[in-house]
């Protein structure tokens, strides 16, 4: 309701395409800026309490927003500022909301669980804007903001009544905030399953953002209608998404995740062109229906791909990176298409975005989706604790780990390939400055080195090793000729 009302309210305050598009930017930008810190917090604090605090903040900010609108104190600038502030709360809670989905369903049902969750979102997207348009027509533009403000009470009540499953126990203290952010970003960089998902997400959302940003102007300028039609168009997008949810399992079986995103992108491009040429309500409604079905096909597949790419210890941060790319692409795209609309007009801007979406399909095709679905990310806990002669302070560091391998020189090439794959796992779990050295005086002797920030971070790496990592490790160890490799731990000191 409030999203529809904000977009429509801006058209009454300033109908410039760029200013109207900035409403979408103000909605998306906080998530782009704050999702990664929020993801770090969601991984190191109690997620339910974190969500309750975040929803209380959203509720308070929404009440202030409603008061400003009711008293006619809202201006284009204050509308953008309040939209930004409310979205700050959304940004802080978005990674935590994503991270709790796998806590509610088994992994085998994760795709269906995410689709059902998306259906719930899109039911509200279908009903909310239409009701928002009716409320604006009947009670004034402030009504949806008041309903939105107090609807959060239901969300907070649901969180308070939920009993989440206990997290895996660890004897190590919680991660520090700054370290958690660095580790999360390092994990995202070296997680190939997540990296491929991020590329495909950026390629889709950058161009799909065009019709979201310019839809108020399609309703107002091209069709020449009022807030009711704008709400109905948003509602039809939601209805199309809900309808598309029921066909996703069938389509996924036949097209696969990559094909589903590709066809969702094609459908989005066609819908965007239809919006560009819409001068009647029926054509705009048809475009909305297709846009919603295409959106759920692509967005749901990308979301599942991000979820199955992540182990539990870094799920909030990994999803935060995904959300950052999602909303960063939406924010950048909204600004770009708003600027293009200011110079070329709404129709040409939408047509250009549709063409870009089609070009992005072959350019991003080599990055495959949901490759992490068959990977076992459960902890293996098979690394023994480091042997020390005395207690080591947890904050000491950096820690240099060396691993000495002795292999048959004839197996040099396959050994290096295997160890290269294993090196990505080292970096993904917190190591940096990884290197491999060969002894010129003794053929077949190699020394692997890598650093971690501190002794505590090295101990965390022991808990982060997955069963899939153990399989890679066993492949490397098959090349050993003198037993297992020799591992040493060295802690940095100042002379």
Protein backbone atom coordinates (compact mmCIF):
# COMPACT_ATOMS: atom_id res chain seq x y z
CA UNK A 1 0.00 0.00 0.00
CA UNK A 2 2.63 2.51 1.02
CA UNK A 3 4.81 1.76 -2.02
CA UNK A 4 1.93 2.48 -4.37
CA UNK A 5 0.95 5.58 -2.40
CA UNK A 6 4.53 6.91 -2.34
CA UNK A 7 4.95 6.55 -6.08
CA UNK A 8 1.61 8.17 -6.79
CA UNK A 9 2.11 10.95 -4.24
CA UNK A 10 5.37 11.91 -5.94
CA UNK A 11 3.59 12.29 -9.30
CA UNK A 12 1.34 14.90 -7.66
CA UNK A 13 4.31 16.75 -6.14
CA UNK A 14 6.71 16.57 -9.10
CA UNK A 15 5.95 14.63 -12.28
CA UNK A 16 9.52 14.70 -13.66
CA UNK A 17 10.49 11.13 -14.74
CA UNK A 18 13.78 11.41 -12.88
CA UNK A 19 12.16 12.58 -9.62
CA UNK A 20 9.48 9.88 -9.81
CA UNK A 21 12.15 7.25 -10.47
CA UNK A 22 14.07 8.52 -7.42
CA UNK A 23 11.30 7.08 -5.22
CA UNK A 24 12.44 3.63 -6.34
CA UNK A 25 16.04 4.69 -5.78
CA UNK A 26 15.24 5.85 -2.23
CA UNK A 27 13.56 2.50 -1.61
CA UNK A 28 16.43 0.41 -2.94
CA UNK A 29 19.53 2.44 -2.04
CA UNK A 30 19.51 1.72 1.75
CA UNK A 31 19.43 -1.99 1.07
CA UNK A 32 22.36 -1.59 -1.29
CA UNK A 33 24.30 0.42 1.31
CA UNK A 34 23.41 -1.44 4.51
CA UNK A 35 22.65 -5.05 3.60
CA UNK A 36 26.21 -6.31 4.14
CA UNK A 37 26.59 -4.85 7.68
CA UNK A 38 23.09 -6.13 8.41
CA UNK A 39 24.02 -9.57 7.14
CA UNK A 40 27.04 -9.65 9.43
CA UNK A 41 24.85 -8.76 12.41
CA UNK A 42 22.29 -11.43 11.50
CA UNK A 43 25.05 -14.05 11.59
CA UNK A 44 26.47 -13.06 14.99
CA UNK A 45 23.36 -12.13 17.01
CA UNK A 46 20.02 -13.78 17.74
CA UNK A 47 18.08 -13.42 14.48
CA UNK A 48 14.62 -13.31 16.03
CA UNK A 49 15.51 -10.48 18.43
CA UNK A 50 17.30 -8.67 15.62
CA UNK A 51 14.17 -8.88 13.44
CA UNK A 52 11.90 -7.66 16.26
CA UNK A 53 14.07 -4.57 16.82
CA UNK A 54 14.18 -3.89 13.09
CA UNK A 55 10.42 -4.16 12.69
CA UNK A 56 9.87 -1.81 15.65
CA UNK A 57 12.11 0.74 13.93
CA UNK A 58 10.14 0.39 10.69
CA UNK A 59 6.90 0.84 12.60
CA UNK A 60 8.09 4.04 14.31
CA UNK A 61 9.45 5.53 11.07
CA UNK A 62 6.23 4.68 9.25
CA UNK A 63 4.16 6.50 11.88
CA UNK A 64 6.29 9.64 11.43
CA UNK A 65 5.86 9.31 7.66
CA UNK A 66 2.07 9.05 8.04
CA UNK A 67 1.94 12.11 10.30
CA UNK A 68 3.85 14.21 7.76
CA UNK A 69 1.54 13.18 4.95
CA UNK A 70 -1.59 13.76 7.06
CA UNK A 71 -0.52 17.28 8.01
CA UNK A 72 0.44 18.13 4.41
CA UNK A 73 4.05 18.72 5.42
CA UNK A 74 5.43 16.38 2.79
CA UNK A 75 7.55 17.75 -0.07
CA UNK A 76 9.40 15.90 -2.85
CA UNK A 77 12.57 16.06 -0.74
CA UNK A 78 10.95 14.94 2.52
CA UNK A 79 9.10 12.18 0.68
CA UNK A 80 12.40 10.81 -0.60
CA UNK A 81 14.01 11.22 2.86
CA UNK A 82 11.22 9.38 4.68
CA UNK A 83 11.13 6.65 2.04
CA UNK A 84 14.87 6.27 2.57
CA UNK A 85 14.54 6.11 6.37
CA UNK A 86 11.80 3.46 6.29
CA UNK A 87 13.88 1.49 3.80
CA UNK A 88 16.81 1.59 6.24
CA UNK A 89 14.76 -0.69 8.50
CA UNK A 90 13.97 -2.93 5.57
CA UNK A 91 17.66 -3.01 4.64
CA UNK A 92 18.69 -4.06 8.14
CA UNK A 93 16.16 -6.89 8.31
CA UNK A 94 16.31 -8.20 4.72
CA UNK A 95 19.31 -10.58 5.17
CA UNK A 96 17.89 -11.95 8.42
CA UNK A 97 14.50 -12.60 6.80
CA UNK A 98 16.24 -14.49 4.01
CA UNK A 99 18.40 -16.46 6.44
CA UNK A 100 15.45 -17.80 8.45
CA UNK A 101 13.78 -19.48 5.45
CA UNK A 102 16.09 -22.54 5.55
CA UNK A 103 15.35 -22.76 9.30
CA UNK A 104 11.69 -23.37 8.50
CA UNK A 105 11.87 -26.09 5.82
CA UNK A 106 14.18 -29.04 5.06
CA UNK A 107 16.81 -28.52 2.38
CA UNK A 108 14.95 -30.82 -0.01
CA UNK A 109 11.94 -28.48 0.16
CA UNK A 110 13.93 -25.25 0.04
CA UNK A 111 13.01 -24.35 -3.55
CA UNK A 112 9.31 -24.87 -2.85
CA UNK A 113 9.64 -23.01 0.46
CA UNK A 114 11.19 -20.01 -1.25
CA UNK A 115 8.51 -20.12 -3.96
CA UNK A 116 5.80 -20.22 -1.28
CA UNK A 117 7.46 -17.33 0.54
CA UNK A 118 7.57 -15.40 -2.74
CA UNK A 119 3.91 -16.20 -3.28
CA UNK A 120 3.12 -14.67 0.11
CA UNK A 121 5.03 -11.54 -0.83
CA UNK A 122 3.28 -11.36 -4.16
CA UNK A 123 -0.18 -11.90 -2.67
CA UNK A 124 0.45 -8.74 -0.67
CA UNK A 125 1.83 -7.12 -3.81
CA UNK A 126 -1.36 -8.07 -5.64
CA UNK A 127 -3.80 -6.98 -2.94
CA UNK A 128 -1.94 -4.10 -1.29
CA UNK A 129 -1.53 -1.68 -4.21
CA UNK A 130 -5.11 -2.16 -5.34
CA UNK A 131 -6.38 -1.48 -1.83
CA UNK A 132 -3.94 1.40 -1.58
CA UNK A 133 -5.37 2.98 -4.71
CA UNK A 134 -8.91 2.58 -3.37
CA UNK A 135 -7.91 4.04 0.00
CA UNK A 136 -6.27 7.03 -1.66
CA UNK A 137 -9.43 7.65 -3.71
CA UNK A 138 -11.79 7.21 -0.74
CA UNK A 139 -9.87 8.53 2.30
CA UNK A 140 -6.95 10.51 0.93
CA UNK A 141 -3.31 9.79 0.24
CA UNK A 142 -2.37 9.47 3.95
CA UNK A 143 -4.57 6.42 4.61
CA UNK A 144 -2.21 3.75 3.18
CA UNK A 145 0.67 5.10 5.26
CA UNK A 146 -1.32 4.71 8.49
CA UNK A 147 -2.38 1.17 7.59
CA UNK A 148 1.23 0.29 6.78
CA UNK A 149 2.51 1.73 10.05
CA UNK A 150 0.29 -0.38 12.29
CA UNK A 151 0.33 -3.54 10.17
CA UNK A 152 3.83 -4.20 11.53
CA UNK A 153 2.27 -5.15 14.83
CA UNK A 154 1.21 -8.44 13.22
CA UNK A 155 4.73 -9.09 11.97
CA UNK A 156 6.18 -8.43 15.42
CA UNK A 157 3.59 -10.71 17.02
CA UNK A 158 4.49 -13.50 14.62
CA UNK A 159 8.18 -13.17 15.46
CA UNK A 160 7.54 -13.19 19.20
CA UNK A 161 5.50 -16.40 18.92
CA UNK A 162 8.11 -18.22 16.80
CA UNK A 163 10.49 -20.67 18.46
CA UNK A 164 13.51 -20.95 16.12
CA UNK A 165 15.66 -24.09 16.16
CA UNK A 166 18.87 -23.89 18.14
CA UNK A 167 22.00 -22.99 16.20
CA UNK A 168 24.95 -25.35 16.04
CA UNK A 169 26.89 -25.02 19.25
CA UNK A 170 30.43 -23.65 19.30
CA UNK A 171 32.87 -23.04 22.11
CA UNK A 172 34.26 -19.99 20.33
CA UNK A 173 33.08 -16.45 21.11
CA UNK A 174 30.90 -14.55 18.60
CA UNK A 175 32.66 -12.94 15.67
CA UNK A 176 33.52 -9.27 15.89
CA UNK A 177 31.52 -7.01 13.64
CA UNK A 178 34.36 -5.76 11.43
CA UNK A 179 35.92 -9.21 11.11
CA UNK A 180 32.53 -10.72 10.27
CA UNK A 181 32.08 -8.26 7.39
CA UNK A 182 35.56 -8.95 5.97
CA UNK A 183 35.10 -12.69 6.25
CA UNK A 184 31.68 -12.52 4.60
CA UNK A 185 32.97 -10.49 1.65
CA UNK A 186 35.94 -12.83 1.27
CA UNK A 187 33.61 -15.81 1.29
CA UNK A 188 31.38 -14.27 -1.38
CA UNK A 189 34.39 -13.52 -3.58
CA UNK A 190 35.69 -17.08 -3.49
CA UNK A 191 32.38 -18.96 -3.50
CA UNK A 192 31.92 -19.85 -7.20
CA UNK A 193 28.29 -20.91 -6.75
CA UNK A 194 27.35 -17.53 -5.24
CA UNK A 195 29.52 -15.52 -7.65
CA UNK A 196 27.72 -16.98 -10.67
CA UNK A 197 24.37 -16.15 -9.08
CA UNK A 198 25.43 -12.54 -8.51
CA UNK A 199 26.39 -12.07 -12.16
CA UNK A 200 23.06 -13.42 -13.37
CA UNK A 201 21.15 -11.35 -10.81
CA UNK A 202 22.82 -8.11 -11.90
CA UNK A 203 22.12 -8.91 -15.56
CA UNK A 204 18.40 -9.36 -14.83
CA UNK A 205 17.55 -6.72 -12.22
CA UNK A 206 19.42 -3.86 -13.91
CA UNK A 207 16.98 -3.93 -16.83
CA UNK A 208 13.88 -5.23 -15.00
CA UNK A 209 14.03 -2.12 -12.78
CA UNK A 210 12.86 0.06 -15.68
CA UNK A 211 9.14 -0.67 -15.51
CA UNK A 212 9.12 -0.60 -11.70
CA UNK A 213 10.61 2.90 -11.72
CA UNK A 214 8.50 4.36 -14.54
CA UNK A 215 5.16 2.60 -13.97
CA UNK A 216 3.57 5.63 -12.18
CA UNK A 217 4.22 7.69 -15.32
CA UNK A 218 2.84 4.96 -17.56
CA UNK A 219 -0.42 5.15 -15.60
CA UNK A 220 -0.51 8.93 -15.30
CA UNK A 221 0.93 10.22 -18.60
CA UNK A 222 0.48 7.47 -21.16
CA UNK A 223 -2.82 5.95 -20.06
CA UNK A 224 -4.01 9.23 -18.50
CA UNK A 225 -5.55 7.66 -15.42
CA UNK A 226 -5.39 8.09 -11.62
CA UNK A 227 -4.08 6.31 -8.52
CA UNK A 228 -6.68 3.56 -8.73
CA UNK A 229 -5.34 2.29 -12.06
CA UNK A 230 -1.76 2.56 -10.81
CA UNK A 231 -2.67 0.42 -7.81
CA UNK A 232 -4.47 -2.06 -10.05
CA UNK A 233 -1.42 -2.31 -12.33
CA UNK A 234 0.81 -3.09 -9.34
CA UNK A 235 -1.79 -5.53 -8.08
CA UNK A 236 -1.90 -7.24 -11.47
CA UNK A 237 1.88 -7.64 -11.40
CA UNK A 238 1.48 -9.32 -8.02
CA UNK A 239 -1.36 -11.51 -9.30
CA UNK A 240 0.78 -12.54 -12.27
CA UNK A 241 3.60 -13.46 -9.90
CA UNK A 242 1.29 -15.52 -7.68
CA UNK A 243 -0.14 -17.31 -10.71
CA UNK A 244 3.35 -17.98 -12.02
CA UNK A 245 4.36 -19.54 -8.69
CA UNK A 246 2.15 -22.57 -9.31
CA UNK A 247 3.87 -23.33 -12.63
CA UNK A 248 7.43 -22.98 -11.34
CA UNK A 249 8.02 -26.68 -10.43
CA UNK A 250 6.76 -27.78 -13.86
CA UNK A 251 8.82 -25.16 -15.68
CA UNK A 252 11.92 -25.85 -13.58
CA UNK A 253 11.75 -29.54 -14.48
CA UNK A 254 11.63 -28.77 -18.20
CA UNK A 255 13.81 -25.68 -18.48
CA UNK A 256 16.18 -25.91 -15.53
CA UNK A 257 17.16 -22.91 -13.44
CA UNK A 258 19.19 -21.29 -16.22
CA UNK A 259 16.45 -21.69 -18.81
CA UNK A 260 13.83 -20.43 -16.39
CA UNK A 261 15.76 -17.21 -15.73
CA UNK A 262 16.40 -16.76 -19.45
CA UNK A 263 12.72 -17.11 -20.35
CA UNK A 264 11.78 -14.92 -17.39
CA UNK A 265 14.09 -12.27 -18.83
CA UNK A 266 12.49 -12.63 -22.28
CA UNK A 267 9.04 -12.25 -20.71
CA UNK A 268 10.21 -9.19 -18.79
CA UNK A 269 11.53 -7.62 -22.01
CA UNK A 270 8.23 -8.24 -23.81
CA UNK A 271 6.26 -6.81 -20.87
CA UNK A 272 8.51 -3.74 -20.78
CA UNK A 273 7.87 -3.10 -24.49
CA UNK A 274 4.12 -3.46 -23.89
CA UNK A 275 4.35 -0.86 -21.12
CA UNK A 276 6.24 1.40 -23.53
CA UNK A 277 3.39 1.34 -26.07
CA UNK A 278 0.51 1.23 -23.58
CA UNK A 279 -2.01 4.03 -24.03
CA UNK A 280 -5.01 2.04 -22.85
CA UNK A 281 -5.74 0.29 -19.57
CA UNK A 282 -6.26 -3.23 -21.04
CA UNK A 283 -2.84 -3.27 -22.71
CA UNK A 284 -1.15 -1.99 -19.54
CA UNK A 285 -2.93 -4.71 -17.53
CA UNK A 286 -1.76 -7.40 -19.95
CA UNK A 287 1.79 -6.11 -19.64
CA UNK A 288 1.50 -6.20 -15.84
CA UNK A 289 0.28 -9.80 -15.84
CA UNK A 290 3.21 -10.91 -18.01
CA UNK A 291 5.65 -8.83 -15.98
CA UNK A 292 4.57 -10.48 -12.73
CA UNK A 293 4.83 -14.04 -14.05
CA UNK A 294 8.24 -13.32 -15.58
CA UNK A 295 9.47 -11.63 -12.40
CA UNK A 296 8.66 -14.59 -10.17
CA UNK A 297 10.25 -17.05 -12.61
CA UNK A 298 13.57 -15.19 -12.63
CA UNK A 299 13.66 -13.77 -9.09
CA UNK A 300 12.65 -17.02 -7.37
CA UNK A 301 15.25 -19.05 -9.30
CA UNK A 302 17.97 -16.53 -8.45
CA UNK A 303 16.97 -16.54 -4.79
CA UNK A 304 17.11 -20.33 -4.60
CA UNK A 305 20.51 -20.28 -6.31
CA UNK A 306 21.84 -17.92 -3.63
CA UNK A 307 20.38 -19.97 -0.77
CA UNK A 308 21.81 -23.31 -1.90
CA UNK A 309 25.26 -21.76 -2.44
CA UNK A 310 25.80 -20.97 1.25
CA UNK A 311 26.75 -22.86 4.42
CA UNK A 312 24.84 -21.90 7.54
CA UNK A 313 27.65 -19.99 9.30
CA UNK A 314 27.76 -17.31 6.60
CA UNK A 315 24.20 -17.48 5.27
CA UNK A 316 23.17 -14.00 6.45
CA UNK A 317 26.26 -12.37 4.96
CA UNK A 318 26.04 -14.30 1.71
CA UNK A 319 22.39 -13.38 1.26
CA UNK A 320 23.30 -9.80 2.17
CA UNK A 321 25.71 -9.72 -0.76
CA UNK A 322 22.96 -11.12 -2.99
CA UNK A 323 20.49 -8.53 -1.69
CA UNK A 324 23.10 -5.80 -2.23
CA UNK A 325 23.50 -6.80 -5.86
CA UNK A 326 19.72 -7.11 -6.22
CA UNK A 327 18.85 -3.69 -4.87
CA UNK A 328 22.03 -2.06 -6.12
CA UNK A 329 21.05 -3.11 -9.62
CA UNK A 330 17.49 -1.91 -9.00
CA UNK A 331 18.72 1.45 -7.67
CA UNK A 332 21.23 1.99 -10.46
CA UNK A 333 18.74 0.86 -13.06
CA UNK A 334 15.98 3.11 -11.69
CA UNK A 335 18.31 6.10 -11.83
CA UNK A 336 19.50 5.25 -15.34
CA UNK A 337 16.03 4.67 -16.78
CA UNK A 338 14.66 7.74 -15.01
CA UNK A 339 17.45 9.83 -16.55
CA UNK A 340 16.88 8.25 -19.97
CA UNK A 341 13.14 8.90 -19.59
CA UNK A 342 13.80 12.57 -18.85
CA UNK A 343 15.71 12.97 -22.12
CA UNK A 344 13.96 10.52 -24.45
CA UNK A 345 10.53 10.04 -22.90
CA UNK A 346 9.01 7.14 -20.96
CA UNK A 347 8.30 4.92 -23.97
CA UNK A 348 11.80 5.04 -25.52
CA UNK A 349 13.40 4.49 -22.10
CA UNK A 350 11.35 1.33 -21.54
CA UNK A 351 12.11 0.05 -25.05
CA UNK A 352 15.84 0.59 -24.53
CA UNK A 353 15.71 -1.33 -21.24
CA UNK A 354 13.91 -4.23 -22.94
CA UNK A 355 16.61 -4.42 -25.61
CA UNK A 356 19.32 -4.41 -22.94
CA UNK A 357 17.63 -7.29 -21.10
CA UNK A 358 17.66 -9.44 -24.22
CA UNK A 359 21.33 -8.68 -24.92
CA UNK A 360 22.23 -9.61 -21.32
CA UNK A 361 20.98 -13.20 -21.76
CA UNK A 362 23.81 -14.49 -24.01
CA UNK A 363 26.39 -12.28 -22.29
CA UNK A 364 25.72 -13.85 -18.87
CA UNK A 365 24.87 -17.39 -19.98
CA UNK A 366 28.19 -19.00 -19.03
CA UNK A 367 27.54 -18.30 -15.33
CA UNK A 368 25.36 -21.26 -14.31
CA UNK A 369 22.76 -21.22 -11.52
CA UNK A 370 22.04 -23.50 -8.55
CA UNK A 371 25.35 -25.35 -8.92
CA UNK A 372 25.55 -25.49 -5.13
CA UNK A 373 22.34 -27.55 -4.81
CA UNK A 374 24.21 -30.87 -4.71
CA UNK A 375 27.05 -29.69 -2.45
CA UNK A 376 27.12 -30.87 1.17
CA UNK A 377 27.80 -27.72 3.21
CA UNK A 378 27.32 -29.40 6.58
CA UNK A 379 30.37 -29.09 8.89
CA UNK A 380 32.76 -32.03 8.78
CA UNK A 381 34.65 -31.13 12.00
CA UNK A 382 37.46 -33.49 10.98
CA UNK A 383 40.41 -31.12 11.41
CA UNK A 384 42.19 -31.80 14.72
CA UNK A 385 42.83 -28.92 17.09
CA UNK A 386 46.27 -27.34 16.64
CA UNK A 387 48.88 -28.63 19.09
CA UNK A 388 50.42 -25.91 21.30
CA UNK A 389 52.76 -25.98 24.29
CA UNK A 390 50.95 -23.10 26.00
CA UNK A 391 47.68 -21.21 25.78
CA UNK A 392 47.54 -18.81 22.84
CA UNK A 393 45.66 -15.54 23.16
CA UNK A 394 42.78 -15.47 20.70
CA UNK A 395 43.58 -12.03 19.27
CA UNK A 396 47.19 -12.86 18.40
CA UNK A 397 48.02 -12.85 14.74
CA UNK A 398 48.35 -13.03 11.89
CA UNK A 399 48.66 -16.80 11.77
CA UNK A 400 50.79 -18.35 9.03
CA UNK A 401 49.83 -21.93 8.17
CA UNK A 402 52.21 -24.06 6.10
CA UNK A 403 51.32 -27.43 4.63
CA UNK A 404 54.13 -29.56 3.17
CA UNK A 405 53.30 -32.07 0.42
CA UNK A 406 55.51 -34.79 -1.05
CA UNK A 407 54.27 -36.30 -4.30
CA UNK A 408 55.53 -38.32 -7.24
CA UNK A 409 56.93 -35.71 -9.69
CA UNK A 410 55.09 -37.48 -12.52
CA UNK A 411 51.79 -36.41 -10.88
CA UNK A 412 52.75 -32.73 -10.71
CA UNK A 413 50.12 -31.39 -13.14
CA UNK A 414 47.04 -33.19 -11.73
CA UNK A 415 48.22 -32.42 -8.17
CA UNK A 416 48.42 -28.69 -8.95
CA UNK A 417 44.94 -28.74 -10.49
CA UNK A 418 43.50 -30.46 -7.43
CA UNK A 419 45.25 -28.12 -5.01
CA UNK A 420 44.10 -25.11 -7.03
CA UNK A 421 40.47 -26.10 -6.42
CA UNK A 422 41.24 -26.64 -2.74
CA UNK A 423 42.87 -23.19 -2.49
CA UNK A 424 39.52 -21.51 -3.20
CA UNK A 425 38.11 -23.24 -0.12
CA UNK A 426 40.94 -21.85 2.01
CA UNK A 427 40.19 -18.30 0.91
CA UNK A 428 36.44 -18.79 1.17
CA UNK A 429 36.67 -19.77 4.84
CA UNK A 430 38.80 -16.80 5.92
CA UNK A 431 42.37 -17.27 4.68
CA UNK A 432 44.24 -14.69 2.64
CA UNK A 433 47.62 -14.33 0.94
CA UNK A 434 47.48 -17.92 -0.22
CA UNK A 435 50.60 -19.23 -1.98
CA UNK A 436 52.22 -22.42 -3.23
CA UNK A 437 55.98 -22.99 -3.44
CA UNK A 438 58.05 -25.73 -5.07
CA UNK A 439 61.42 -26.95 -3.80
CA UNK A 440 64.00 -26.77 -6.64
CA UNK A 441 66.37 -29.03 -4.68
CA UNK A 442 63.88 -31.86 -4.17
CA UNK A 443 61.44 -32.82 -6.90
CA UNK A 444 57.90 -33.44 -5.70
CA UNK A 445 58.16 -31.27 -2.56
CA UNK A 446 55.63 -28.43 -2.34
CA UNK A 447 54.76 -26.06 0.49
CA UNK A 448 51.35 -24.40 0.65
CA UNK A 449 51.06 -21.21 2.75
CA UNK A 450 48.18 -18.99 3.78
CA UNK A 451 47.43 -16.39 6.45
CA UNK A 452 44.47 -15.81 8.74
CA UNK A 453 43.81 -12.63 10.71
CA UNK A 454 44.18 -14.13 14.18
CA UNK A 455 44.42 -17.34 16.17
CA UNK A 456 40.69 -17.15 16.81
CA UNK A 457 39.94 -16.82 13.10
CA UNK A 458 42.11 -19.86 12.43
CA UNK A 459 40.14 -21.85 14.99
CA UNK A 460 36.93 -20.73 13.29
CA UNK A 461 38.25 -22.11 10.01
CA UNK A 462 38.37 -25.54 11.66
CA UNK A 463 34.61 -25.28 12.29
CA UNK A 464 33.84 -23.98 8.80
CA UNK A 465 35.29 -26.90 6.84
CA UNK A 466 32.42 -28.73 5.14
CA UNK A 467 31.99 -32.32 4.07
CA UNK A 468 32.36 -31.18 0.46
CA UNK A 469 35.72 -29.60 1.41
CA UNK A 470 36.77 -32.87 2.98
CA UNK A 471 36.19 -34.62 -0.35
CA UNK A 472 38.45 -32.09 -2.10
CA UNK A 473 41.05 -32.62 0.60
CA UNK A 474 40.95 -36.38 0.07
CA UNK A 475 41.53 -35.87 -3.67
CA UNK A 476 44.68 -33.87 -2.87
CA UNK A 477 45.89 -36.41 -0.33
CA UNK A 478 45.72 -39.23 -2.88
CA UNK A 479 48.88 -37.82 -4.45
CA UNK A 480 50.91 -38.14 -1.21
CA UNK A 481 53.75 -40.68 -1.23
CA UNK A 482 55.07 -40.29 2.35
CA UNK A 483 51.84 -40.18 4.34
CA UNK A 484 49.62 -37.18 5.08
CA UNK A 485 50.98 -33.67 4.54
CA UNK A 486 52.77 -31.95 7.42
CA UNK A 487 50.99 -28.87 8.80
CA UNK A 488 52.57 -26.17 10.96
CA UNK A 489 51.11 -23.04 12.56
CA UNK A 490 53.20 -19.89 13.07
CA UNK A 491 52.00 -16.77 14.87
CA UNK A 492 53.33 -13.36 13.92
CA UNK A 493 55.64 -11.64 16.43
CA UNK A 494 57.38 -8.28 16.50
CA UNK A 495 61.17 -8.40 16.89
